[in-house]
């Protein structure tokens, strides 16, 4: 019989980064959402590169990595949101 106490359960360490991105995510993703819309393609190419430019101009305090994280996350949210509405 083992009378030793159970190991303490430690909460998962905070893995999230990019606090500035989280602070502006809603505003920025609404700003760049039109670049992800299928009807806003040019020569059957997406306009994601313009989203990067708009974010850099609007939020010059963000690093290149933060801009990338913001655009990629916004694109994922846009795609997930619009896939659900298209399926309905």
Protein backbone atom coordinates (compact mmCIF):
# COMPACT_ATOMS: atom_id res chain seq x y z
CA UNK A 1 0.00 0.00 0.00
CA UNK A 2 1.43 3.33 -1.07
CA UNK A 3 0.72 6.19 1.35
CA UNK A 4 2.65 8.83 -0.57
CA UNK A 5 0.65 11.86 -1.61
CA UNK A 6 -0.54 12.11 -5.19
CA UNK A 7 1.61 14.33 -7.38
CA UNK A 8 0.42 17.89 -7.56
CA UNK A 9 -1.48 18.68 -10.71
CA UNK A 10 0.14 21.61 -12.40
CA UNK A 11 -1.89 23.75 -14.76
CA UNK A 12 -0.65 23.82 -18.31
CA UNK A 13 1.86 26.60 -18.84
CA UNK A 14 0.64 29.55 -20.84
CA UNK A 15 1.55 28.78 -24.45
CA UNK A 16 -0.18 31.67 -26.10
CA UNK A 17 1.96 34.50 -27.34
CA UNK A 18 1.31 37.60 -29.37
CA UNK A 19 -0.66 39.64 -26.85
CA UNK A 20 -0.79 42.62 -29.22
CA UNK A 21 -2.32 40.44 -31.92
CA UNK A 22 -5.01 39.20 -29.55
CA UNK A 23 -5.81 42.75 -28.51
CA UNK A 24 -6.53 43.92 -32.07
CA UNK A 25 -7.68 40.66 -33.65
CA UNK A 26 -11.39 41.50 -34.02
CA UNK A 27 -10.78 44.90 -35.53
CA UNK A 28 -7.97 43.78 -37.82
CA UNK A 29 -9.71 40.64 -39.05
CA UNK A 30 -12.80 42.67 -39.98
CA UNK A 31 -10.54 45.09 -41.82
CA UNK A 32 -8.88 42.42 -43.96
CA UNK A 33 -11.80 40.00 -44.40
CA UNK A 34 -12.65 41.29 -47.91
CA UNK A 35 -9.25 40.10 -49.14
CA UNK A 36 -10.25 36.51 -48.39
CA UNK A 37 -13.63 36.62 -50.12
CA UNK A 38 -13.83 34.35 -53.18
CA UNK A 39 -15.56 37.05 -55.20
CA UNK A 40 -12.59 39.39 -54.66
CA UNK A 41 -10.05 37.39 -56.63
CA UNK A 42 -7.92 38.83 -59.37
CA UNK A 43 -7.05 36.48 -62.20
CA UNK A 44 -8.21 33.58 -60.00
CA UNK A 45 -5.57 34.53 -57.41
CA UNK A 46 -6.31 35.45 -53.83
CA UNK A 47 -5.51 38.90 -52.51
CA UNK A 48 -3.89 37.73 -49.29
CA UNK A 49 -0.75 39.72 -50.07
CA UNK A 50 -2.81 42.91 -49.85
CA UNK A 51 -4.02 41.89 -46.40
CA UNK A 52 -0.40 41.87 -45.25
CA UNK A 53 0.12 45.36 -46.63
CA UNK A 54 -3.00 46.77 -45.00
CA UNK A 55 -2.10 45.27 -41.62
CA UNK A 56 1.47 46.62 -41.83
CA UNK A 57 0.19 50.10 -42.68
CA UNK A 58 -2.57 50.13 -40.05
CA UNK A 59 -0.51 48.56 -37.23
CA UNK A 60 3.14 49.60 -37.73
CA UNK A 61 4.00 48.55 -34.17
CA UNK A 62 3.55 44.86 -35.04
CA UNK A 63 6.54 42.75 -35.98
CA UNK A 64 6.57 40.82 -39.25
CA UNK A 65 5.90 37.63 -37.32
CA UNK A 66 2.88 39.19 -35.58
CA UNK A 67 1.51 40.41 -38.90
CA UNK A 68 1.87 36.93 -40.33
CA UNK A 69 0.14 35.34 -37.34
CA UNK A 70 -2.69 37.86 -37.58
CA UNK A 71 -3.29 37.36 -41.30
CA UNK A 72 -3.12 33.56 -41.12
CA UNK A 73 -5.44 33.40 -38.10
CA UNK A 74 -7.87 35.84 -39.71
CA UNK A 75 -7.91 33.75 -42.87
CA UNK A 76 -8.63 30.60 -40.88
CA UNK A 77 -11.48 32.26 -38.99
CA UNK A 78 -12.90 33.66 -42.24
CA UNK A 79 -12.72 30.27 -43.96
CA UNK A 80 -14.30 28.44 -41.00
CA UNK A 81 -17.06 31.01 -40.64
CA UNK A 82 -17.92 31.07 -44.31
CA UNK A 83 -17.74 27.29 -44.69
CA UNK A 84 -20.40 26.96 -41.98
CA UNK A 85 -22.67 29.55 -43.62
CA UNK A 86 -22.21 27.99 -47.06
CA UNK A 87 -23.14 24.56 -45.70
CA UNK A 88 -26.32 25.90 -44.07
